[in-house]
Amino acid sequence: MTVPPFDPSRLLAAGLVAQAEHHVTIGSTNDRARELAMDPSTRLPALVVADIQTAGRGRGENRWWTGAGSLAFSLLFDPAALGIARQESPRASLSAAVAIVRSVAPLLEGYELGLHWPNDVFASGRKLAGILVEALPDGRHVLGIGLNTNNTLSSAPAEVRNVAVTLCDLTGRDVNHHELLAVLLSELWTALEDLAADPAAAGAEYDALCLQRGA
């Protein structure tokens, strides 16, 4: 399967984001989203997509490996605009994990899939996606997601090969990033709206998907 170049205009036309940009190579999509937050002309939600990150960040001091063919993106958005109470906004990372699970589940029938607390999605016992949420002083959030899609772990560092997995390695086929990201964004807005409307129900879904229950 030949994967077409990423075209953010499709997501704009679908109304999934208000502003979008694509980079072949970037240091960090989260860093770029933070730059956009400083520009008063930026329209929210704003999306930054990259084919390759050279300085992708994970939780704490961790780094996120972005192999060629993976999907890495960040969203600058305002939780308050979605009706999310300030005390609930830290759960945005869990809502993002739910959205990832909902989006890739049809592609991974027969594989164990769920949340690995607090900010990862695991498939078949290995890390499929990582999430990093950074709250800005004005309340807006930068949500970064790295999802192993069309990359293969054969080119990854040894420490990554031991703990990670990709959609391509599991299924033997590539996915269309345009289609997957459109589904993921739609599921993300739904999950965040669910959090705003009923935090208790959202929490129950997080718990049901948690792979560490009883561990």
Protein backbone atom coordinates (compact mmCIF):
# COMPACT_ATOMS: atom_id res chain seq x y z
CA MET A 1 0.00 0.00 0.00
CA THR A 2 1.34 3.42 -0.97
CA VAL A 3 0.67 5.96 1.76
CA PRO A 4 -0.22 9.39 0.26
CA PRO A 5 1.43 12.55 1.60
CA PHE A 6 -0.45 13.95 4.54
CA ASP A 7 -2.87 16.73 3.62
CA PRO A 8 -4.31 18.61 6.64
CA SER A 9 -6.82 20.43 4.43
CA ARG A 10 -9.04 17.33 4.57
CA LEU A 11 -9.39 17.67 8.32
CA LEU A 12 -10.14 21.37 7.98
CA ALA A 13 -12.83 20.69 5.41
CA ALA A 14 -14.40 18.13 7.74
CA GLY A 15 -14.56 20.73 10.53
CA LEU A 16 -12.50 18.59 12.92
CA VAL A 17 -10.02 21.40 13.61
CA ALA A 18 -9.92 25.13 12.91
CA GLN A 19 -6.27 25.33 11.93
CA ALA A 20 -3.77 22.67 10.84
CA GLU A 21 -0.22 22.34 9.64
CA HIS A 22 1.96 19.43 8.52
CA HIS A 23 5.72 19.04 8.90
CA VAL A 24 7.86 16.38 7.29
CA THR A 25 10.36 16.75 10.15
CA ILE A 26 10.06 18.74 13.36
CA GLY A 27 11.68 18.77 16.78
CA SER A 28 8.47 18.37 18.78
CA THR A 29 4.85 18.87 17.76
CA ASN A 30 4.07 19.91 21.33
CA ASP A 31 6.72 22.62 21.17
CA ARG A 32 5.29 23.89 17.90
CA ALA A 33 1.78 23.93 19.41
CA ARG A 34 3.11 25.99 22.31
CA GLU A 35 4.54 28.44 19.78
CA LEU A 36 1.12 28.68 18.15
CA ALA A 37 -0.34 29.45 21.58
CA MET A 38 1.76 32.61 21.65
CA ASP A 39 0.28 33.83 18.35
CA PRO A 40 -2.99 35.72 18.91
CA SER A 41 -4.11 34.87 15.37
CA THR A 42 -4.12 31.12 16.08
CA ARG A 43 -7.57 29.56 15.75
CA LEU A 44 -8.57 26.73 18.07
CA PRO A 45 -8.46 23.83 17.98
CA ALA A 46 -5.11 23.95 16.19
CA LEU A 47 -3.42 20.80 14.91
CA VAL A 48 0.28 20.13 14.27
CA VAL A 49 1.14 16.87 12.47
CA ALA A 50 4.64 15.55 11.79
CA ASP A 51 6.02 12.60 9.87
CA ILE A 52 9.15 12.52 12.02
CA GLN A 53 9.94 14.11 15.39
CA THR A 54 13.58 14.51 16.34
CA ALA A 55 12.88 15.58 19.93
CA GLY A 56 9.50 14.08 20.78
CA ARG A 57 8.79 14.16 24.50
CA GLY A 58 7.13 11.67 26.78
CA ARG A 59 6.13 11.87 30.42
CA GLY A 60 8.79 13.20 32.79
CA GLU A 61 12.24 12.90 31.24
CA ASN A 62 11.18 10.25 28.74
CA ARG A 63 11.59 10.68 25.00
CA TRP A 64 9.15 9.43 22.39
CA TRP A 65 10.62 7.56 19.43
CA THR A 66 8.90 8.63 16.21
CA GLY A 67 9.88 6.14 13.55
CA ALA A 68 9.30 6.85 9.88
CA GLY A 69 5.68 6.02 9.09
CA SER A 70 4.29 6.66 12.57
CA LEU A 71 1.62 9.23 13.39
CA ALA A 72 2.65 12.10 15.66
CA PHE A 73 0.50 15.14 16.30
CA SER A 74 -0.41 17.78 18.86
CA LEU A 75 -3.59 19.72 19.46
CA LEU A 76 -3.86 23.13 21.04
CA PHE A 77 -7.34 23.44 22.51
CA ASP A 78 -9.30 25.03 25.34
CA PRO A 79 -10.98 22.55 27.73
CA ALA A 80 -13.27 25.32 29.01
CA ALA A 81 -14.66 25.81 25.50
CA LEU A 82 -15.81 22.19 25.64
CA GLY A 83 -17.44 22.70 29.02
CA ILE A 84 -14.79 20.76 30.93
CA ALA A 85 -14.49 21.97 34.51
CA ARG A 86 -11.00 23.04 35.50
CA GLN A 87 -10.71 20.29 38.13
CA GLU A 88 -11.54 17.68 35.47
CA SER A 89 -9.11 18.93 32.81
CA PRO A 90 -6.22 16.69 34.00
CA ARG A 91 -8.33 13.76 32.78
CA ALA A 92 -7.92 14.93 29.18
CA SER A 93 -5.07 12.46 28.72
CA LEU A 94 -7.36 9.59 29.73
CA SER A 95 -10.04 10.80 27.33
CA ALA A 96 -7.40 10.84 24.60
CA ALA A 97 -6.47 7.26 25.45
CA VAL A 98 -10.13 6.23 25.21
CA ALA A 99 -10.31 7.91 21.78
CA ILE A 100 -7.26 5.99 20.59
CA VAL A 101 -8.69 2.69 21.79
CA ARG A 102 -12.02 3.37 20.07
CA SER A 103 -10.23 4.34 16.85
CA VAL A 104 -7.86 1.38 16.51
CA ALA A 105 -10.08 -1.34 17.96
CA PRO A 106 -11.63 -2.20 14.56
CA LEU A 107 -8.11 -2.74 13.21
CA LEU A 108 -7.00 -4.97 16.09
CA GLU A 109 -9.78 -7.49 16.56
CA GLY A 110 -8.54 -10.37 18.69
CA TYR A 111 -5.80 -8.35 20.40
CA GLU A 112 -5.93 -7.16 24.00
CA LEU A 113 -6.24 -3.39 23.89
CA GLY A 114 -6.57 -0.84 26.66
CA LEU A 115 -5.17 1.95 28.80
CA HIS A 116 -1.89 1.60 30.64
CA TRP A 117 -2.09 4.17 33.42
CA PRO A 118 -1.59 7.06 33.28
CA ASN A 119 -0.90 8.04 29.68
CA ASP A 120 -0.29 5.09 27.37
CA VAL A 121 -2.31 2.74 25.18
CA PHE A 122 -1.15 -0.87 25.02
CA ALA A 123 -1.93 -3.54 22.44
CA SER A 124 -0.96 -7.16 22.90
CA GLY A 125 0.93 -6.25 26.07
CA ARG A 126 3.12 -3.59 24.45
CA LYS A 127 3.03 0.18 24.05
CA LEU A 128 1.13 1.28 20.96
CA ALA A 129 0.63 4.97 21.76
CA GLY A 130 1.82 7.61 24.18
CA ILE A 131 0.06 10.77 25.31
CA LEU A 132 1.48 13.97 26.74
CA VAL A 133 -0.78 16.78 27.94
CA GLU A 134 0.70 20.14 28.91
CA ALA A 135 -1.51 22.76 30.58
CA LEU A 136 -0.70 26.36 29.71
CA PRO A 137 -1.01 29.19 32.26
CA ASP A 138 -4.17 30.53 30.58
CA GLY A 139 -5.94 27.18 30.87
CA ARG A 140 -5.49 26.04 27.28
CA HIS A 141 -3.97 22.59 26.80
CA VAL A 142 -1.47 21.09 24.40
CA LEU A 143 -2.31 17.44 23.80
CA GLY A 144 0.41 15.42 22.12
CA ILE A 145 -0.12 11.90 20.78
CA GLY A 146 2.39 9.51 19.29
CA LEU A 147 0.80 6.48 17.66
CA ASN A 148 2.81 3.63 16.17
CA THR A 149 1.09 3.00 12.86
CA ASN A 150 3.03 2.33 9.65
CA ASN A 151 6.44 2.31 11.28
CA THR A 152 8.17 -0.93 12.13
CA LEU A 153 10.15 -1.74 15.24
CA SER A 154 12.91 -3.32 13.20
CA SER A 155 14.36 0.19 12.89
CA ALA A 156 13.77 1.21 16.51
CA PRO A 157 16.35 1.42 19.30
CA ALA A 158 16.72 -1.82 21.26
CA GLU A 159 15.09 -0.36 24.37
CA VAL A 160 12.02 0.54 22.30
CA ARG A 161 11.78 -2.83 20.52
CA ASN A 162 11.48 -4.54 23.89
CA VAL A 163 8.40 -2.61 25.02
CA ALA A 164 6.56 -1.23 21.98
CA VAL A 165 4.40 -2.45 19.12
CA THR A 166 3.05 -0.96 15.88
CA LEU A 167 -0.18 -1.43 13.95
CA CYS A 168 1.83 -2.49 10.91
CA ASP A 169 3.79 -5.11 12.84
CA LEU A 170 0.58 -6.54 14.33
CA THR A 171 -1.59 -6.55 11.22
CA GLY A 172 0.93 -6.74 8.40
CA ARG A 173 -0.59 -3.80 6.56
CA ASP A 174 -0.43 0.00 6.49
CA VAL A 175 -3.22 2.31 7.57
CA ASN A 176 -4.34 5.51 5.89
CA HIS A 177 -3.29 8.35 8.18
CA HIS A 178 -5.94 10.70 6.82
CA GLU A 179 -8.73 8.28 7.62
CA LEU A 180 -7.31 7.21 10.97
CA LEU A 181 -6.68 10.73 12.19
CA ALA A 182 -10.16 11.85 11.12
CA VAL A 183 -11.68 9.02 13.14
CA LEU A 184 -9.36 9.68 16.08
CA LEU A 185 -10.15 13.39 16.21
CA SER A 186 -13.86 12.69 16.04
CA GLU A 187 -13.56 10.17 18.86
CA LEU A 188 -11.42 12.59 20.85
CA TRP A 189 -14.00 15.38 20.73
CA THR A 190 -16.67 12.87 21.73
CA ALA A 191 -14.59 11.58 24.65
CA LEU A 192 -13.87 15.11 25.85
CA GLU A 193 -17.54 16.05 25.56
CA ASP A 194 -18.36 12.92 27.59
CA LEU A 195 -15.92 14.09 30.25
CA ALA A 196 -17.59 17.49 30.36
CA ALA A 197 -21.11 16.08 30.51
CA ASP A 198 -20.60 13.24 33.00
CA PRO A 199 -17.17 12.94 34.67
CA ALA A 200 -18.29 9.92 36.71
CA ALA A 201 -19.33 7.96 33.62
CA ALA A 202 -16.12 8.94 31.87
CA GLY A 203 -14.17 7.72 34.88
CA ALA A 204 -15.99 4.40 34.77
CA GLU A 205 -14.95 3.96 31.14
CA TYR A 206 -11.33 4.76 31.98
CA ASP A 207 -11.45 2.14 34.71
CA ALA A 208 -13.04 -0.49 32.47
CA LEU A 209 -10.29 -0.04 29.89
CA CYS A 210 -7.44 0.02 32.42
CA LEU A 211 -5.15 -2.97 31.90
CA GLN A 212 -3.68 -2.71 35.40
CA ARG A 213 -6.85 -3.37 37.36
CA GLY A 214 -6.14 -5.98 40.00
CA ALA A 215 -2.42 -5.97 39.21
